[in-house]
Amino acid sequence: MSSENLFYFSVICEAPQNAYASYITSNLVKVTMDKVSVPLHDSYFYGYRILYKNLEDEGSEWTARGVIRKNVDPITGDVSGLVPYTNYSFRVFAKSFRSVGLISEPFKVRTLEWGK
C-alpha cells in the first residue's frame, strides 16, 4: 500500500464521549455528545456523523445522518423519520475532509408510541 493510500486511514481524534438521547419522540431522537479535541494543525475538521440502526429489523444496516458542522458544545443532531415504539442503536464519530475519528460505543433508545 502506498503512503498516499495510508493517508485515508489516519484517525483524527478520539471517539466522542457521553453520547446520549437528549430528546425522544415517536419518530425523532436528538443525540447529544461531548465535543472532541481536534489537533490544532487539522484545519480540515468537518463535523460529526450520527450512525443509527433499527434493532428490530434483521435486515437493517447502519445508516448515517447528515453532518453536524460544529465543534462547540453542545453538539446535537436530530435523527428523524424513525418508526414509533422501536428500538434503535446509535453511534457517533467526528470527521474531517481527510479522515475520521474513532466511533463511539453504541447506545440504545426506544422511540415513543405514536402520539406521545
C-alpha atoms as a PDB file:
ATOM      1  CA  MET A   1       0.000   0.000   0.000  1.00  0.00           C
ATOM      2  CA  SER A   2       1.443   3.369  -0.933  1.00  0.00           C
ATOM      3  CA  SER A   3       1.904   6.136   1.612  1.00  0.00           C
ATOM      4  CA  GLU A   4      -0.654   8.082  -0.399  1.00  0.00           C
ATOM      5  CA  ASN A   5      -3.312   5.475   0.488  1.00  0.00           C
ATOM      6  CA  LEU A   6      -2.282   5.349   4.159  1.00  0.00           C
ATOM      7  CA  PHE A   7      -3.398   8.950   4.452  1.00  0.00           C
ATOM      8  CA  TYR A   8      -7.036   7.928   4.186  1.00  0.00           C
ATOM      9  CA  PHE A   9      -6.761   5.533   7.132  1.00  0.00           C
ATOM     10  CA  SER A  10      -5.421   8.058   9.641  1.00  0.00           C
ATOM     11  CA  VAL A  11      -7.540   8.825  12.702  1.00  0.00           C
ATOM     12  CA  ILE A  12      -8.021  12.485  13.597  1.00  0.00           C
ATOM     13  CA  CYS A  13      -9.317  12.126  17.155  1.00  0.00           C
ATOM     14  CA  GLU A  14     -10.816  10.008  19.880  1.00  0.00           C
ATOM     15  CA  ALA A  15     -14.436   8.886  19.856  1.00  0.00           C
ATOM     16  CA  PRO A  16     -16.971  11.434  21.115  1.00  0.00           C
ATOM     17  CA  GLN A  17     -17.819  10.748  24.756  1.00  0.00           C
ATOM     18  CA  ASN A  18     -21.089  10.822  26.684  1.00  0.00           C
ATOM     19  CA  ALA A  19     -23.343  10.409  23.655  1.00  0.00           C
ATOM     20  CA  TYR A  20     -26.975  10.039  24.684  1.00  0.00           C
ATOM     21  CA  ALA A  21     -30.546  10.694  23.574  1.00  0.00           C
ATOM     22  CA  SER A  22     -31.425  14.120  24.972  1.00  0.00           C
ATOM     23  CA  TYR A  23     -34.923  14.196  23.442  1.00  0.00           C
ATOM     24  CA  ILE A  24     -37.120  11.360  22.162  1.00  0.00           C
ATOM     25  CA  THR A  25     -40.458  11.359  20.316  1.00  0.00           C
ATOM     26  CA  SER A  26     -42.270   8.677  18.331  1.00  0.00           C
ATOM     27  CA  ASN A  27     -40.235   9.366  15.178  1.00  0.00           C
ATOM     28  CA  LEU A  28     -37.268  11.532  16.264  1.00  0.00           C
ATOM     29  CA  VAL A  29     -34.241  11.204  18.532  1.00  0.00           C
ATOM     30  CA  LYS A  30     -31.990  14.153  19.391  1.00  0.00           C
ATOM     31  CA  VAL A  31     -28.462  12.923  20.040  1.00  0.00           C
ATOM     32  CA  THR A  32     -26.152  14.996  22.254  1.00  0.00           C
ATOM     33  CA  MET A  33     -22.442  14.355  22.796  1.00  0.00           C
ATOM     34  CA  ASP A  34     -19.285  15.979  24.129  1.00  0.00           C
ATOM     35  CA  LYS A  35     -17.092  17.734  21.580  1.00  0.00           C
ATOM     36  CA  VAL A  36     -13.784  16.144  20.639  1.00  0.00           C
ATOM     37  CA  SER A  37     -10.335  17.679  20.760  1.00  0.00           C
ATOM     38  CA  VAL A  38      -9.065  18.199  17.243  1.00  0.00           C
ATOM     39  CA  PRO A  39      -5.337  18.686  16.596  1.00  0.00           C
ATOM     40  CA  LEU A  40      -4.554  22.363  16.009  1.00  0.00           C
ATOM     41  CA  HIS A  41      -2.924  21.552  12.699  1.00  0.00           C
ATOM     42  CA  ASP A  42      -6.075  19.846  11.377  1.00  0.00           C
ATOM     43  CA  SER A  43      -7.686  22.728   9.515  1.00  0.00           C
ATOM     44  CA  TYR A  44      -9.898  20.230   7.731  1.00  0.00           C
ATOM     45  CA  PHE A  45     -12.275  19.447  10.621  1.00  0.00           C
ATOM     46  CA  TYR A  46     -15.718  18.908   9.122  1.00  0.00           C
ATOM     47  CA  GLY A  47     -18.064  17.891  11.925  1.00  0.00           C
ATOM     48  CA  TYR A  48     -19.825  14.835  13.343  1.00  0.00           C
ATOM     49  CA  ARG A  49     -21.869  11.967  11.936  1.00  0.00           C
ATOM     50  CA  ILE A  50     -24.557  10.016  13.731  1.00  0.00           C
ATOM     51  CA  LEU A  51     -24.996   6.373  12.778  1.00  0.00           C
ATOM     52  CA  TYR A  52     -28.219   4.586  13.650  1.00  0.00           C
ATOM     53  CA  LYS A  53     -29.723   1.154  13.154  1.00  0.00           C
ATOM     54  CA  ASN A  54     -33.192  -0.319  13.695  1.00  0.00           C
ATOM     55  CA  LEU A  55     -32.597  -3.208  16.106  1.00  0.00           C
ATOM     56  CA  GLU A  56     -35.961  -4.813  15.382  1.00  0.00           C
ATOM     57  CA  ASP A  57     -35.341  -5.208  11.654  1.00  0.00           C
ATOM     58  CA  GLU A  58     -32.878  -8.046  10.990  1.00  0.00           C
ATOM     59  CA  GLY A  59     -32.057  -6.582   7.573  1.00  0.00           C
ATOM     60  CA  SER A  60     -31.355  -3.117   8.944  1.00  0.00           C
ATOM     61  CA  GLU A  61     -27.889  -1.701   8.325  1.00  0.00           C
ATOM     62  CA  TRP A  62     -26.137   1.259   9.924  1.00  0.00           C
ATOM     63  CA  THR A  63     -27.366   4.482   8.337  1.00  0.00           C
ATOM     64  CA  ALA A  64     -25.509   7.786   8.537  1.00  0.00           C
ATOM     65  CA  ARG A  65     -27.331  11.005   9.317  1.00  0.00           C
ATOM     66  CA  GLY A  66     -26.050  14.219   7.699  1.00  0.00           C
ATOM     67  CA  VAL A  67     -23.037  16.005   9.116  1.00  0.00           C
ATOM     68  CA  ILE A  68     -23.338  18.241  12.196  1.00  0.00           C
ATOM     69  CA  ARG A  69     -20.973  21.048  11.215  1.00  0.00           C
ATOM     70  CA  LYS A  70     -19.775  22.481  14.506  1.00  0.00           C
ATOM     71  CA  ASN A  71     -17.364  21.749  17.328  1.00  0.00           C
ATOM     72  CA  VAL A  72     -18.799  23.956  20.071  1.00  0.00           C
ATOM     73  CA  ASP A  73     -20.777  22.477  22.966  1.00  0.00           C
ATOM     74  CA  PRO A  74     -23.469  21.356  22.964  1.00  0.00           C
ATOM     75  CA  ILE A  75     -23.056  19.090  19.954  1.00  0.00           C
ATOM     76  CA  THR A  76     -26.553  17.900  18.977  1.00  0.00           C
ATOM     77  CA  GLY A  77     -28.162  16.368  15.936  1.00  0.00           C
ATOM     78  CA  ASP A  78     -31.639  15.091  15.117  1.00  0.00           C
ATOM     79  CA  VAL A  79     -32.403  11.735  13.544  1.00  0.00           C
ATOM     80  CA  SER A  80     -35.941  11.850  12.184  1.00  0.00           C
ATOM     81  CA  GLY A  81     -38.179   9.517  10.210  1.00  0.00           C
ATOM     82  CA  LEU A  82     -37.880   6.740  12.786  1.00  0.00           C
ATOM     83  CA  VAL A  83     -40.521   4.083  13.423  1.00  0.00           C
ATOM     84  CA  PRO A  84     -42.654   4.616  16.552  1.00  0.00           C
ATOM     85  CA  TYR A  85     -42.069   2.354  19.564  1.00  0.00           C
ATOM     86  CA  THR A  86     -38.977   0.752  18.049  1.00  0.00           C
ATOM     87  CA  ASN A  87     -35.519   0.006  19.465  1.00  0.00           C
ATOM     88  CA  TYR A  88     -32.580   1.738  17.780  1.00  0.00           C
ATOM     89  CA  SER A  89     -28.861   1.750  18.339  1.00  0.00           C
ATOM     90  CA  PHE A  90     -26.840   4.952  17.854  1.00  0.00           C
ATOM     91  CA  ARG A  91     -23.107   5.672  17.455  1.00  0.00           C
ATOM     92  CA  VAL A  92     -21.264   8.911  16.677  1.00  0.00           C
ATOM     93  CA  PHE A  93     -17.901   9.948  15.271  1.00  0.00           C
ATOM     94  CA  ALA A  94     -16.056  13.098  14.228  1.00  0.00           C
ATOM     95  CA  LYS A  95     -14.704  13.545  10.728  1.00  0.00           C
ATOM     96  CA  SER A  96     -12.615  15.822   8.613  1.00  0.00           C
ATOM     97  CA  PHE A  97     -12.279  16.146   4.865  1.00  0.00           C
ATOM     98  CA  ARG A  98      -9.270  13.819   5.067  1.00  0.00           C
ATOM     99  CA  SER A  99     -10.060  11.264   7.760  1.00  0.00           C
ATOM    100  CA  VAL A 100     -12.402  10.198  10.546  1.00  0.00           C
ATOM    101  CA  GLY A 101     -12.255   9.847  14.312  1.00  0.00           C
ATOM    102  CA  LEU A 102     -12.920   6.734  16.318  1.00  0.00           C
ATOM    103  CA  ILE A 103     -16.554   5.624  16.589  1.00  0.00           C
ATOM    104  CA  SER A 104     -18.284   5.791  19.965  1.00  0.00           C
ATOM    105  CA  GLU A 105     -19.725   2.842  21.804  1.00  0.00           C
ATOM    106  CA  PRO A 106     -23.358   2.217  20.805  1.00  0.00           C
ATOM    107  CA  PHE A 107     -26.252   3.296  22.971  1.00  0.00           C
ATOM    108  CA  LYS A 108     -29.833   2.079  22.659  1.00  0.00           C
ATOM    109  CA  VAL A 109     -33.062   4.064  22.522  1.00  0.00           C
ATOM    110  CA  ARG A 110     -36.709   3.070  22.108  1.00  0.00           C
ATOM    111  CA  THR A 111     -38.820   5.655  20.328  1.00  0.00           C
ATOM    112  CA  LEU A 112     -42.112   6.575  21.955  1.00  0.00           C
ATOM    113  CA  GLU A 113     -45.503   5.259  20.923  1.00  0.00           C
ATOM    114  CA  TRP A 114     -47.276   7.242  18.205  1.00  0.00           C
ATOM    115  CA  GLY A 115     -48.826  10.443  19.523  1.00  0.00           C
ATOM    116  CA  LYS A 116     -46.683  10.623  22.680  1.00  0.00           C
END
